Structure formats: structure tokens, C-alpha cells
Amino acid sequence: MEKLKAHSNSRMTGTVWMMIAFLFVLTVISNTDKAVIGFASVKIMDELGLNATQWGLVGSVFFWLYAVSAVLMGIFSDKMGTKLAITIMALVWAAVQFSTLFVHSFAFLLITRLILGAGEGPSYSLAMTTAAKWLPRGKLGFGLTLVSIGGPLGVAMSAPPLIQLISSHGWRSAFLATGIIGVVWVVLWLLFAKDRPASPDNLSSAAVEARHPAEDSKFLKIVFSRSFLLVALCGFATYWSYTVGLVWLPNYFAKVRHLSAAELKVAVTLPWIMITISQLLFSTISDWLYRRTKSMFRSRVSILSPVLIGAGISYALGTIVNSNPLTVALLSLGLTFGCITLVIGPAILVELVPPKHQGKAQGIFMAASSLGGIVAPYVTGKLVQGSADQAAGFNGAFQLIAVILCVVGALAWLLVRSPRIAKPSTEAREPEGKLETGVS
């Protein structure tokens, strides 16, 4: 009876709202720290004399340690608590932002991006893991989205002032500003944040525990299950699109579409506003479907797959139109829909993985996703530099994103399913806790 009550209760207390607010701002800072390099791309490339391939490497190196740190800090957080893990992580970000003020060579820039990537790697997974501890099951998708939209909102809110700072005071001023903001957040987090709920009542973790009896010893089997691997593949596709948007889209709008400074501010801000709106919309619909159906496929996968396919179609159309406003709109829509895995993916993992292993699972998910971030910026740079002109190179890069998103979206629709867990019955059933695998 208590488990059923915990499952159905959807009240969010003041403490829950405080923690969600902290995690929202954390995500704002995380994505602003990532995005500022894109805002400053033209000035940094000019000052350091970098070509397109080298700039692609700057975007790629950020993710070289991303996967490793995501998994290691996920394990650390399961043992030592997410509050300490997040504190360490946020301090690394601030330190790197300050150190970037002294960058005067390509090699030094690569080192700062490598260390920042190691610090940023666990960010999203730790934020999702922490939020899931506090959220009622019936508002899991909505609550995770409130944390996630800090990402696009962070980019959208920071773009105009940071671009203005860069124009007026040089690109280093933007890194100084983001470093100061990071330090202020850490101080407030240490003073007021809590590591875990005082009681598991009403929380999603209690409800999830009821759905995963005796699953603790089967973590590796879950990780290598077909559904987990395909959700991770969706994350890979999302990060491919996401990192090209962060690292290359401002450069494309400036150098290929020749947008003015005022137009560039709008074009750079628009997709991140659209991502915020779409994630709130789709997560609300997903939660509503979950409350009605209690089905992971009908409430989560049925949102994830069509939206990823829609993202691919938008990217494909964006490469064949000549109008600047229409191109900006279509590429913004592709980037917007492509980010859907960031909110639906963690909600699916809550269904697939026991609470004891959520930190590790979310870390592995982000590690797999980050592989897209490693490859995409560099591949895009090679395509741009190796093509007859920059426009053709960018079009090829956007078409490649379209193919990846459409294929992965279709595979998720066909193959991602809930774990089959036996229920008491006189009828023959699958053994308790049995998960589907990729082998028929």
C-alpha cells in the first residue's frame, strides 16, 4: 500500500523546488561554459590563426575525457553522494574558465578544452540523477525537463550579453564572466543544497525500487540490453547534432550566410529558446501519457522516436533552401528536435535501471552520448575544409546529421521496450527480472 501511495503521489515540496532550481542553474552554467567558445569562434580563430580542421579539433577535444569522467564520477556519486561530486565538478569549470584568460596558443587552448570537458562530462548525468532522487514519479518527465532546459536557456540567455562582451572587451572577457558566475553558484550550493531527501516517501526512487526487485546483481545485463544500448545510441545522435550546433552553427551563420551582428544574435539565440519550449511541451505530454498508460513505450519512446526523425527531416530541408530566414528556422528546428533525448532518455533509464545504479547508468549513457561530441565537430571541420567551398561542406555536414537522426529514431521506435519483469500469476511467465537483449 505504501509503495502504491508513493507511486501515485505527485506533490513537489518547497525543498524539491529548491533543489530543482539549483540544478537548473547548474545546467545553465554548464551549457554557457560550453557555448562561449562558439560565440568567440571567429575572433579566436583569427587571433590564433586556426583553420577549419583545427577548430573542429578544438570542438572535438572537449569530449575526449568526457566519457571517462562521466562514468567515474557516476560511480563516485553512488558512493559519496551527488552533492560532493557536483561541487568538485563545478569548481573545475570555474578554474578552467579563469585559465582560458591566458590562452595564447593552439596547444594551450586544446588543454583548456580537454580539462573543461573532463569537468563537464558528469554534469548532465549527475543533475538528472540528483533530480530523480527528489521528484515524484508522476512528474518525473516534467521535473527532469525543468533541469534540462537550463541548457538551452543558458545558451539563449547568455548569447546576447556574451556576444556584446566579446565585441566590446575582447573574447577573454566572456570567459572571465562565466568563471565568476560559477564560483558564486558553488558557494550558494555548499550553503543550502541537500544531498538526498530525508525520506523516500512520495519520491520516484521509491517507486522505481518497487519495479526492480532483486535487480542489483544484473546491472551489466541491463547496460548491454538492447533497449539501453539504443537509448545510448539516441544520445549519440543527439550529441552529434548538439555539438555541431554549439561549435559550428554560429560560424556557419556568420561566414556562409553572412548575417549581420544583430541578425547573428537572433539566429544564435533562436534554437535554444525553441529547445526550451519543445522540451517542456514534449515532457509534459510524455508525463500525461505515462499517468494514463503506465507504459514506457507509449509515453516515452512514442515521443522520442518521431521527434528525432522530425529533426533529421528539418536538417535535410535546411540544406536545400536559399532564404536565410528559412534556413535559420529549419536548422533551428533540427537542433531543437534533435535534443529531445536529453529529457526523454533519462526518463527511460529510470524505467530500465534500479535506483542503486542510477548514477552509473546515467554516467554510461552520457559517456556513450559524448562519443557523438567527439566525432561530430572534427568531421564537420574536415568536411568544411575539404569541400570546394564552405557552403558545400556545411551542407554535407547537415545532411549527415539528418541521416543519423532519422536512422536512430527509426531503430528506437522498432526496438526500445520496457524490461520484462515477472508478476505473480498462475500463468507461465518469463523469469523474474528478465531483460530483453539484442539477441533473438
Foldseek 3Di string as FASTA:
>chain_A
DLLVQLQPFFDADPLLVVLLVLLLLLLLLLQLLLQLCQLCVVVVCVQQVDALLLLLQLQQLLLPLLLVLLQVLLVVCLPPFLLVSLLVLLLQSLVLLLVVLPDRYSVSSSVSSNSNSSSSSNSLLSSLLQSQQRGFLLCSLLSSLSSNLSNLVSQLVVLVVQSVCCVPPNSSVSSNVSSVVSVVSSVVSVVDHDRGDPDSGNGLQSNLQVVFPPCPVVVVVLCQAPQNVLLLLLLQLLLLLQSCLSRPPLVCCCPPVVDDPVVSSCLNNVLSVLLSVVSNVLSVQLSVQCVVPVFLCRRQLVSLLVLLLQLLVLLLVLLPDDDPVSNSVSSSSSNNSSNNSSSSVLSVVSQRDRSSSSSSSSSNSSSSSSVSSNPNSSQLSCLCVVDPHNSRSNSVSSNVSSVSSNVSSVCSSVDNGGAQADDDDPDDDDHGRHGHHPDD
